[in-house]
Amino acid sequence: MKRPNTQAARGIRIAAAHDGEHQLRNRPLSIKYTITKRIIITAFSALISFQATTPWAAGSHGGGLGKTPFIGKAGKASDVTRTVKIVMHDNYYDMEYLAVKRGETIRFVITNAGEFVHEFNIGTKAMHAAHAQEMLRMVEHGALEPDSINYDMMKMDMGDGKTMTHDDPNSVLLEPSKSAEIIWKFPDTAGVQLEFACNLPGHYEAGMVGRVYFPNLVS
């Protein structure tokens, strides 16, 4: 399940496409990393500017991505069948896919080994697209920086009486070097296509997404 070594440089290759691949050629690894970090921060800042001039649909973490029954629900510790450890890097997970059984309850232990804030969020592709707009709103209001979280700002009213506390049970948002756990019960029914993803600006697009699939449904 681990991403091959050749995939570890995926973020560098994607960043190079935006800033000139020639910048990364024939450079020592330390310099490549510095260039890539600068590119990511620049892209993050550009998305903030884009948000300021683009009408996005309103969203709220309180609205509950984690409260949508067809993707599952918060699980009970007594029902956990196994523990899955996932490490987040810049900008990929150390796991590209996750096989689960229908109705299975899993404890996820998530660690952010990168130098930027990252998210682990279980949902559908459409949910991630909607959640990305909420994350942009958090950036616009100063709740999120590339490498830190302003927890006080997350509690403030960001419009229409809504806050961005990011406390849904299907998701965790972590600063660098931090870890957290979530317990999630996957749906009993068939037909839903789930992903785990990071919805901070540009991270999903850079490849920070993995597939959840149900092998017992595959013929």
C-alpha atoms as a PDB file:
ATOM      1  CA  MET A   1       0.000   0.000   0.000  1.00  0.00           C
ATOM      2  CA  LYS A   2       2.945   2.305   0.398  1.00  0.00           C
ATOM      3  CA  ARG A   3       3.655   4.822  -2.325  1.00  0.00           C
ATOM      4  CA  PRO A   4       6.689   3.679  -4.341  1.00  0.00           C
ATOM      5  CA  ASN A   5       9.890   5.641  -3.970  1.00  0.00           C
ATOM      6  CA  THR A   6       9.465   6.953  -7.486  1.00  0.00           C
ATOM      7  CA  GLN A   7       6.243   8.596  -6.338  1.00  0.00           C
ATOM      8  CA  ALA A   8       7.840  10.452  -3.441  1.00  0.00           C
ATOM      9  CA  ALA A   9       8.963  13.209  -5.802  1.00  0.00           C
ATOM     10  CA  ARG A  10       5.476  13.668  -7.228  1.00  0.00           C
ATOM     11  CA  GLY A  11       5.002  16.982  -5.456  1.00  0.00           C
ATOM     12  CA  ILE A  12       8.287  18.257  -6.910  1.00  0.00           C
ATOM     13  CA  ARG A  13       7.292  17.283 -10.434  1.00  0.00           C
ATOM     14  CA  ILE A  14       3.872  18.907 -10.122  1.00  0.00           C
ATOM     15  CA  ALA A  15       5.336  22.073  -8.644  1.00  0.00           C
ATOM     16  CA  ALA A  16       7.911  22.190 -11.425  1.00  0.00           C
ATOM     17  CA  ALA A  17       5.146  22.271 -14.006  1.00  0.00           C
ATOM     18  CA  HIS A  18       4.001  25.605 -12.520  1.00  0.00           C
ATOM     19  CA  ASP A  19       7.367  27.222 -11.945  1.00  0.00           C
ATOM     20  CA  GLY A  20       9.569  25.844 -14.680  1.00  0.00           C
ATOM     21  CA  GLU A  21      10.927  22.336 -14.594  1.00  0.00           C
ATOM     22  CA  HIS A  22      14.368  23.649 -15.431  1.00  0.00           C
ATOM     23  CA  GLN A  23      14.615  25.077 -11.892  1.00  0.00           C
ATOM     24  CA  LEU A  24      14.778  21.571 -10.427  1.00  0.00           C
ATOM     25  CA  ARG A  25      17.066  19.883 -12.910  1.00  0.00           C
ATOM     26  CA  ASN A  26      20.605  19.086 -11.837  1.00  0.00           C
ATOM     27  CA  ARG A  27      20.073  20.595  -8.383  1.00  0.00           C
ATOM     28  CA  PRO A  28      21.092  19.012  -5.044  1.00  0.00           C
ATOM     29  CA  LEU A  29      18.169  17.510  -3.107  1.00  0.00           C
ATOM     30  CA  SER A  30      18.281  20.224  -0.426  1.00  0.00           C
ATOM     31  CA  ILE A  31      17.985  22.959  -3.049  1.00  0.00           C
ATOM     32  CA  LYS A  32      15.173  21.086  -4.807  1.00  0.00           C
ATOM     33  CA  TYR A  33      13.282  20.946  -1.516  1.00  0.00           C
ATOM     34  CA  THR A  34      13.777  24.673  -0.901  1.00  0.00           C
ATOM     35  CA  ILE A  35      12.523  25.514  -4.380  1.00  0.00           C
ATOM     36  CA  THR A  36       9.515  23.243  -3.994  1.00  0.00           C
ATOM     37  CA  LYS A  37       8.616  24.755  -0.606  1.00  0.00           C
ATOM     38  CA  ARG A  38       8.769  28.255  -2.113  1.00  0.00           C
ATOM     39  CA  ILE A  39       6.542  27.205  -5.005  1.00  0.00           C
ATOM     40  CA  ILE A  40       3.925  25.703  -2.670  1.00  0.00           C
ATOM     41  CA  ILE A  41       3.814  28.848  -0.529  1.00  0.00           C
ATOM     42  CA  THR A  42       3.528  30.999  -3.671  1.00  0.00           C
ATOM     43  CA  ALA A  43       0.654  28.858  -4.953  1.00  0.00           C
ATOM     44  CA  PHE A  44      -1.047  29.074  -1.545  1.00  0.00           C
ATOM     45  CA  SER A  45      -0.803  32.870  -1.628  1.00  0.00           C
ATOM     46  CA  ALA A  46      -2.129  32.971  -5.179  1.00  0.00           C
ATOM     47  CA  LEU A  47      -5.182  30.972  -4.152  1.00  0.00           C
ATOM     48  CA  ILE A  48      -5.867  33.458  -1.364  1.00  0.00           C
ATOM     49  CA  SER A  49      -5.869  36.278  -3.922  1.00  0.00           C
ATOM     50  CA  PHE A  50      -8.103  34.217  -6.209  1.00  0.00           C
ATOM     51  CA  GLN A  51     -10.538  33.623  -3.346  1.00  0.00           C
ATOM     52  CA  ALA A  52     -10.826  37.349  -2.733  1.00  0.00           C
ATOM     53  CA  THR A  53     -12.251  37.906  -6.242  1.00  0.00           C
ATOM     54  CA  THR A  54     -14.210  34.673  -6.768  1.00  0.00           C
ATOM     55  CA  PRO A  55     -17.774  33.993  -5.524  1.00  0.00           C
ATOM     56  CA  TRP A  56     -17.739  30.647  -3.706  1.00  0.00           C
ATOM     57  CA  ALA A  57     -20.756  28.836  -2.341  1.00  0.00           C
ATOM     58  CA  ALA A  58     -21.027  29.154   1.418  1.00  0.00           C
ATOM     59  CA  GLY A  59     -20.111  26.138   3.521  1.00  0.00           C
ATOM     60  CA  SER A  60     -19.741  25.159   7.130  1.00  0.00           C
ATOM     61  CA  HIS A  61     -17.881  22.447   8.964  1.00  0.00           C
ATOM     62  CA  GLY A  62     -20.786  22.570  11.363  1.00  0.00           C
ATOM     63  CA  GLY A  63     -22.961  21.506   8.429  1.00  0.00           C
ATOM     64  CA  GLY A  64     -21.312  18.154   8.863  1.00  0.00           C
ATOM     65  CA  LEU A  65     -19.418  16.321   6.166  1.00  0.00           C
ATOM     66  CA  GLY A  66     -19.081  13.686   8.851  1.00  0.00           C
ATOM     67  CA  LYS A  67     -22.853  13.621   9.454  1.00  0.00           C
ATOM     68  CA  THR A  68     -23.779  12.253   6.018  1.00  0.00           C
ATOM     69  CA  PRO A  69     -24.992   8.671   6.604  1.00  0.00           C
ATOM     70  CA  PHE A  70     -24.094   7.185   3.221  1.00  0.00           C
ATOM     71  CA  ILE A  71     -20.350   7.718   3.770  1.00  0.00           C
ATOM     72  CA  GLY A  72     -20.467   6.187   7.260  1.00  0.00           C
ATOM     73  CA  LYS A  73     -20.452   7.679  10.731  1.00  0.00           C
ATOM     74  CA  ALA A  74     -18.340   8.203  13.838  1.00  0.00           C
ATOM     75  CA  GLY A  75     -17.459   4.803  15.248  1.00  0.00           C
ATOM     76  CA  LYS A  76     -17.281   3.389  18.762  1.00  0.00           C
ATOM     77  CA  ALA A  77     -13.969   2.306  20.278  1.00  0.00           C
ATOM     78  CA  SER A  78     -15.564  -0.981  21.333  1.00  0.00           C
ATOM     79  CA  ASP A  79     -16.362  -1.775  17.674  1.00  0.00           C
ATOM     80  CA  VAL A  80     -12.862  -1.156  16.273  1.00  0.00           C
ATOM     81  CA  THR A  81     -11.613  -4.142  14.266  1.00  0.00           C
ATOM     82  CA  ARG A  82      -8.150  -2.783  13.439  1.00  0.00           C
ATOM     83  CA  THR A  83      -5.893   0.256  13.563  1.00  0.00           C
ATOM     84  CA  VAL A  84      -4.572   1.878  10.392  1.00  0.00           C
ATOM     85  CA  LYS A  85      -1.602   4.249  10.619  1.00  0.00           C
ATOM     86  CA  ILE A  86      -1.294   6.907   7.936  1.00  0.00           C
ATOM     87  CA  VAL A  87       1.568   9.377   7.564  1.00  0.00           C
ATOM     88  CA  MET A  88       1.018  12.641   5.702  1.00  0.00           C
ATOM     89  CA  HIS A  89       3.851  14.222   3.728  1.00  0.00           C
ATOM     90  CA  ASP A  90       4.165  17.254   1.409  1.00  0.00           C
ATOM     91  CA  ASN A  91       1.894  16.592  -0.517  1.00  0.00           C
ATOM     92  CA  TYR A  92       0.997  12.893  -0.397  1.00  0.00           C
ATOM     93  CA  TYR A  93      -0.012  10.096   1.952  1.00  0.00           C
ATOM     94  CA  ASP A  94       2.174   7.061   2.549  1.00  0.00           C
ATOM     95  CA  MET A  95      -0.889   5.018   1.516  1.00  0.00           C
ATOM     96  CA  GLU A  96      -2.538   5.325  -1.892  1.00  0.00           C
ATOM     97  CA  TYR A  97      -5.542   3.128  -1.231  1.00  0.00           C
ATOM     98  CA  LEU A  98      -7.395   1.503   1.645  1.00  0.00           C
ATOM     99  CA  ALA A  99      -9.382  -1.727   1.479  1.00  0.00           C
ATOM    100  CA  VAL A 100     -12.275  -1.939   3.959  1.00  0.00           C
ATOM    101  CA  LYS A 101     -15.195  -4.241   4.649  1.00  0.00           C
ATOM    102  CA  ARG A 102     -18.757  -3.009   4.574  1.00  0.00           C
ATOM    103  CA  GLY A 103     -19.702  -1.773   8.040  1.00  0.00           C
ATOM    104  CA  GLU A 104     -16.124  -2.039   9.335  1.00  0.00           C
ATOM    105  CA  THR A 105     -15.007   0.269  12.146  1.00  0.00           C
ATOM    106  CA  ILE A 106     -11.387   1.433  11.894  1.00  0.00           C
ATOM    107  CA  ARG A 107      -9.210   3.487  14.198  1.00  0.00           C
ATOM    108  CA  PHE A 108      -7.026   5.810  12.125  1.00  0.00           C
ATOM    109  CA  VAL A 109      -3.806   7.124  13.642  1.00  0.00           C
ATOM    110  CA  ILE A 110      -2.776  10.098  11.516  1.00  0.00           C
ATOM    111  CA  THR A 111       0.650  11.769  11.687  1.00  0.00           C
ATOM    112  CA  ASN A 112       1.767  14.870   9.804  1.00  0.00           C
ATOM    113  CA  ALA A 113       5.419  14.339   8.854  1.00  0.00           C
ATOM    114  CA  GLY A 114       5.457  17.262   6.433  1.00  0.00           C
ATOM    115  CA  GLU A 115       6.346  20.917   6.933  1.00  0.00           C
ATOM    116  CA  PHE A 116       2.879  22.196   6.014  1.00  0.00           C
ATOM    117  CA  VAL A 117      -0.579  21.846   7.529  1.00  0.00           C
ATOM    118  CA  HIS A 118      -2.378  18.775   6.145  1.00  0.00           C
ATOM    119  CA  GLU A 119      -5.758  17.139   6.447  1.00  0.00           C
ATOM    120  CA  PHE A 120      -7.098  13.588   6.464  1.00  0.00           C
ATOM    121  CA  ASN A 121     -10.722  13.654   5.374  1.00  0.00           C
ATOM    122  CA  ILE A 122     -13.023  10.784   4.372  1.00  0.00           C
ATOM    123  CA  GLY A 123     -15.708  11.617   1.810  1.00  0.00           C
ATOM    124  CA  THR A 124     -16.784  11.489  -1.814  1.00  0.00           C
ATOM    125  CA  LYS A 125     -15.094  13.417  -4.611  1.00  0.00           C
ATOM    126  CA  ALA A 126     -17.962  15.911  -4.624  1.00  0.00           C
ATOM    127  CA  MET A 127     -17.703  16.388  -0.858  1.00  0.00           C
ATOM    128  CA  HIS A 128     -14.004  17.102  -1.123  1.00  0.00           C
ATOM    129  CA  ALA A 129     -14.661  19.696  -3.816  1.00  0.00           C
ATOM    130  CA  ALA A 130     -17.194  21.431  -1.550  1.00  0.00           C
ATOM    131  CA  HIS A 131     -14.918  21.159   1.475  1.00  0.00           C
ATOM    132  CA  ALA A 132     -12.049  22.737  -0.484  1.00  0.00           C
ATOM    133  CA  GLN A 133     -14.163  25.883  -0.736  1.00  0.00           C
ATOM    134  CA  GLU A 134     -14.556  25.900   3.042  1.00  0.00           C
ATOM    135  CA  MET A 135     -10.812  25.552   3.454  1.00  0.00           C
ATOM    136  CA  LEU A 136     -10.280  28.533   1.147  1.00  0.00           C
ATOM    137  CA  ARG A 137     -12.661  30.477   3.351  1.00  0.00           C
ATOM    138  CA  MET A 138     -10.548  29.553   6.386  1.00  0.00           C
ATOM    139  CA  VAL A 139      -7.460  30.846   4.601  1.00  0.00           C
ATOM    140  CA  GLU A 140      -9.209  34.085   3.680  1.00  0.00           C
ATOM    141  CA  HIS A 141     -10.170  34.692   7.319  1.00  0.00           C
ATOM    142  CA  GLY A 142      -6.692  33.939   8.664  1.00  0.00           C
ATOM    143  CA  ALA A 143      -7.564  30.642  10.313  1.00  0.00           C
ATOM    144  CA  LEU A 144      -5.035  28.755   8.207  1.00  0.00           C
ATOM    145  CA  GLU A 145      -1.455  29.515   7.260  1.00  0.00           C
ATOM    146  CA  PRO A 146       0.671  27.188   5.112  1.00  0.00           C
ATOM    147  CA  ASP A 147       2.403  25.747   8.190  1.00  0.00           C
ATOM    148  CA  SER A 148       0.164  26.655  11.143  1.00  0.00           C
ATOM    149  CA  ILE A 149      -3.434  26.755  12.400  1.00  0.00           C
ATOM    150  CA  ASN A 150      -4.943  29.754  14.173  1.00  0.00           C
ATOM    151  CA  TYR A 151      -7.334  27.948  16.520  1.00  0.00           C
ATOM    152  CA  ASP A 152      -8.792  31.166  17.942  1.00  0.00           C
ATOM    153  CA  MET A 153      -9.696  32.379  14.452  1.00  0.00           C
ATOM    154  CA  MET A 154     -11.385  29.053  13.706  1.00  0.00           C
ATOM    155  CA  LYS A 155     -13.882  29.761  16.482  1.00  0.00           C
ATOM    156  CA  MET A 156     -14.852  33.164  15.113  1.00  0.00           C
ATOM    157  CA  ASP A 157     -17.943  33.906  13.041  1.00  0.00           C
ATOM    158  CA  MET A 158     -16.937  33.659   9.397  1.00  0.00           C
ATOM    159  CA  GLY A 159     -20.299  34.705   8.041  1.00  0.00           C
ATOM    160  CA  ASP A 160     -23.944  33.735   8.591  1.00  0.00           C
ATOM    161  CA  GLY A 161     -23.156  32.749  12.167  1.00  0.00           C
ATOM    162  CA  LYS A 162     -20.942  29.885  11.045  1.00  0.00           C
ATOM    163  CA  THR A 163     -17.550  28.918  12.428  1.00  0.00           C
ATOM    164  CA  MET A 164     -14.768  26.767  10.986  1.00  0.00           C
ATOM    165  CA  THR A 165     -13.885  24.633  13.994  1.00  0.00           C
ATOM    166  CA  HIS A 166     -13.104  21.644  11.773  1.00  0.00           C
ATOM    167  CA  ASP A 167     -14.455  19.126  14.269  1.00  0.00           C
ATOM    168  CA  ASP A 168     -16.269  16.692  11.980  1.00  0.00           C
ATOM    169  CA  PRO A 169     -15.675  13.054  12.996  1.00  0.00           C
ATOM    170  CA  ASN A 170     -14.526  12.015   9.505  1.00  0.00           C
ATOM    171  CA  SER A 171     -11.677  14.524   9.392  1.00  0.00           C
ATOM    172  CA  VAL A 172      -8.581  15.740  11.191  1.00  0.00           C
ATOM    173  CA  LEU A 173      -6.474  18.824  10.460  1.00  0.00           C
ATOM    174  CA  LEU A 174      -2.869  18.736  11.697  1.00  0.00           C
ATOM    175  CA  GLU A 175       0.069  21.078  11.982  1.00  0.00           C
ATOM    176  CA  PRO A 176       3.555  19.700  11.223  1.00  0.00           C
ATOM    177  CA  SER A 177       4.790  16.987  13.644  1.00  0.00           C
ATOM    178  CA  LYS A 178       1.313  16.539  15.164  1.00  0.00           C
ATOM    179  CA  SER A 179      -0.714  13.324  15.405  1.00  0.00           C
ATOM    180  CA  ALA A 180      -4.368  12.510  16.059  1.00  0.00           C
ATOM    181  CA  GLU A 181      -6.841   9.645  15.937  1.00  0.00           C
ATOM    182  CA  ILE A 182     -10.309   9.223  14.491  1.00  0.00           C
ATOM    183  CA  ILE A 183     -12.618   6.217  14.663  1.00  0.00           C
ATOM    184  CA  TRP A 184     -14.808   5.744  11.617  1.00  0.00           C
ATOM    185  CA  LYS A 185     -17.523   3.211  10.815  1.00  0.00           C
ATOM    186  CA  PHE A 186     -17.816   2.664   7.060  1.00  0.00           C
ATOM    187  CA  PRO A 187     -21.233   2.252   5.428  1.00  0.00           C
ATOM    188  CA  ASP A 188     -23.042  -1.084   5.286  1.00  0.00           C
ATOM    189  CA  THR A 189     -24.502  -0.377   1.869  1.00  0.00           C
ATOM    190  CA  ALA A 190     -22.874  -0.619  -1.550  1.00  0.00           C
ATOM    191  CA  GLY A 191     -22.565   1.998  -4.262  1.00  0.00           C
ATOM    192  CA  VAL A 192     -20.611   4.799  -2.568  1.00  0.00           C
ATOM    193  CA  GLN A 193     -17.171   5.733  -3.878  1.00  0.00           C
ATOM    194  CA  LEU A 194     -15.014   7.160  -1.092  1.00  0.00           C
ATOM    195  CA  GLU A 195     -11.692   8.936  -0.993  1.00  0.00           C
ATOM    196  CA  PHE A 196      -9.432  10.178   1.786  1.00  0.00           C
ATOM    197  CA  ALA A 197      -7.949  13.517   0.895  1.00  0.00           C
ATOM    198  CA  CYS A 198      -6.373  16.777   1.976  1.00  0.00           C
ATOM    199  CA  ASN A 199      -8.438  19.783   0.927  1.00  0.00           C
ATOM    200  CA  LEU A 200      -6.053  22.602   1.736  1.00  0.00           C
ATOM    201  CA  PRO A 201      -5.540  24.868  -1.284  1.00  0.00           C
ATOM    202  CA  GLY A 202      -3.671  23.001  -4.008  1.00  0.00           C
ATOM    203  CA  HIS A 203      -3.005  19.826  -2.026  1.00  0.00           C
ATOM    204  CA  TYR A 204      -5.728  17.645  -3.573  1.00  0.00           C
ATOM    205  CA  GLU A 205      -4.687  18.834  -7.029  1.00  0.00           C
ATOM    206  CA  ALA A 206      -1.071  17.950  -6.234  1.00  0.00           C
ATOM    207  CA  GLY A 207      -2.109  14.347  -5.625  1.00  0.00           C
ATOM    208  CA  MET A 208      -2.856  14.253  -1.890  1.00  0.00           C
ATOM    209  CA  VAL A 209      -5.755  11.854  -2.267  1.00  0.00           C
ATOM    210  CA  GLY A 210      -6.266   8.115  -1.847  1.00  0.00           C
ATOM    211  CA  ARG A 211      -9.017   5.667  -2.720  1.00  0.00           C
ATOM    212  CA  VAL A 212     -11.187   3.682  -0.327  1.00  0.00           C
ATOM    213  CA  TYR A 213     -12.568   0.523  -1.857  1.00  0.00           C
ATOM    214  CA  PHE A 214     -14.610  -2.473  -0.734  1.00  0.00           C
ATOM    215  CA  PRO A 215     -12.992  -5.688  -2.047  1.00  0.00           C
ATOM    216  CA  ASN A 216     -15.987  -7.789  -1.015  1.00  0.00           C
ATOM    217  CA  LEU A 217     -18.040  -5.882  -3.604  1.00  0.00           C
ATOM    218  CA  VAL A 218     -15.657  -6.618  -6.467  1.00  0.00           C
ATOM    219  CA  SER A 219     -16.767  -9.535  -8.609  1.00  0.00           C
END
